[in-house]
Amino acid sequence: FFEMSRHEAVKALDIYKRAGQQ
């Protein structure tokens, strides 16, 4: 459960960073 949550968090963070760059 924790691993899955962490994976989704990293994925969301990556998307957030990409959105911030644009």
N, C-alpha and C. Protein backbone atom coordinates (compact mmCIF):
# COMPACT_ATOMS: atom_id res chain seq x y z
N PHE A 1 0.85 -1.20 0.00
CA PHE A 1 0.00 0.00 0.00
C PHE A 1 0.89 1.25 0.00
N PHE A 2 1.83 1.29 0.90
CA PHE A 2 2.71 2.46 0.99
C PHE A 2 3.49 2.63 -0.32
N GLU A 3 3.96 1.51 -0.84
CA GLU A 3 4.74 1.60 -2.09
C GLU A 3 3.87 2.17 -3.21
N MET A 4 2.65 1.70 -3.31
CA MET A 4 1.78 2.17 -4.38
C MET A 4 1.51 3.67 -4.20
N SER A 5 1.23 4.06 -2.96
CA SER A 5 0.95 5.48 -2.70
C SER A 5 2.18 6.30 -3.08
N ARG A 6 3.35 5.81 -2.71
CA ARG A 6 4.57 6.55 -3.03
C ARG A 6 4.75 6.65 -4.55
N HIS A 7 4.47 5.57 -5.25
CA HIS A 7 4.62 5.59 -6.71
C HIS A 7 3.69 6.64 -7.32
N GLU A 8 2.45 6.66 -6.86
CA GLU A 8 1.50 7.64 -7.41
C GLU A 8 1.94 9.05 -7.05
N ALA A 9 2.48 9.20 -5.85
CA ALA A 9 2.92 10.54 -5.41
C ALA A 9 4.06 11.01 -6.32
N VAL A 10 4.98 10.11 -6.62
CA VAL A 10 6.11 10.48 -7.49
C VAL A 10 5.58 10.83 -8.88
N LYS A 11 4.63 10.05 -9.33
CA LYS A 11 4.06 10.30 -10.67
C LYS A 11 3.38 11.68 -10.69
N ALA A 12 2.61 11.96 -9.67
CA ALA A 12 1.92 13.26 -9.61
C ALA A 12 2.94 14.38 -9.51
N LEU A 13 4.00 14.15 -8.75
CA LEU A 13 5.03 15.19 -8.60
C LEU A 13 5.69 15.47 -9.95
N ASP A 14 5.94 14.42 -10.71
CA ASP A 14 6.56 14.59 -12.03
C ASP A 14 5.64 15.42 -12.94
N ILE A 15 4.36 15.10 -12.90
CA ILE A 15 3.40 15.84 -13.73
C ILE A 15 3.35 17.29 -13.27
N TYR A 16 3.38 17.48 -11.95
CA TYR A 16 3.33 18.84 -11.40
C TYR A 16 4.55 19.64 -11.87
N LYS A 17 5.71 19.00 -11.84
CA LYS A 17 6.93 19.69 -12.28
C LYS A 17 6.82 20.04 -13.76
N ARG A 18 6.32 19.11 -14.55
CA ARG A 18 6.20 19.39 -16.00
C ARG A 18 5.24 20.56 -16.22
N ALA A 19 4.14 20.57 -15.51
CA ALA A 19 3.17 21.66 -15.67
C ALA A 19 3.80 22.97 -15.22
N GLY A 20 4.64 22.92 -14.21
CA GLY A 20 5.26 24.15 -13.70
C GLY A 20 6.26 24.71 -14.71
N GLN A 21 6.92 23.83 -15.45
CA GLN A 21 7.91 24.31 -16.42
C GLN A 21 7.24 25.04 -17.57
N GLN A 22 6.08 24.59 -17.99
CA GLN A 22 5.43 25.19 -19.15
C GLN A 22 4.85 26.56 -18.88
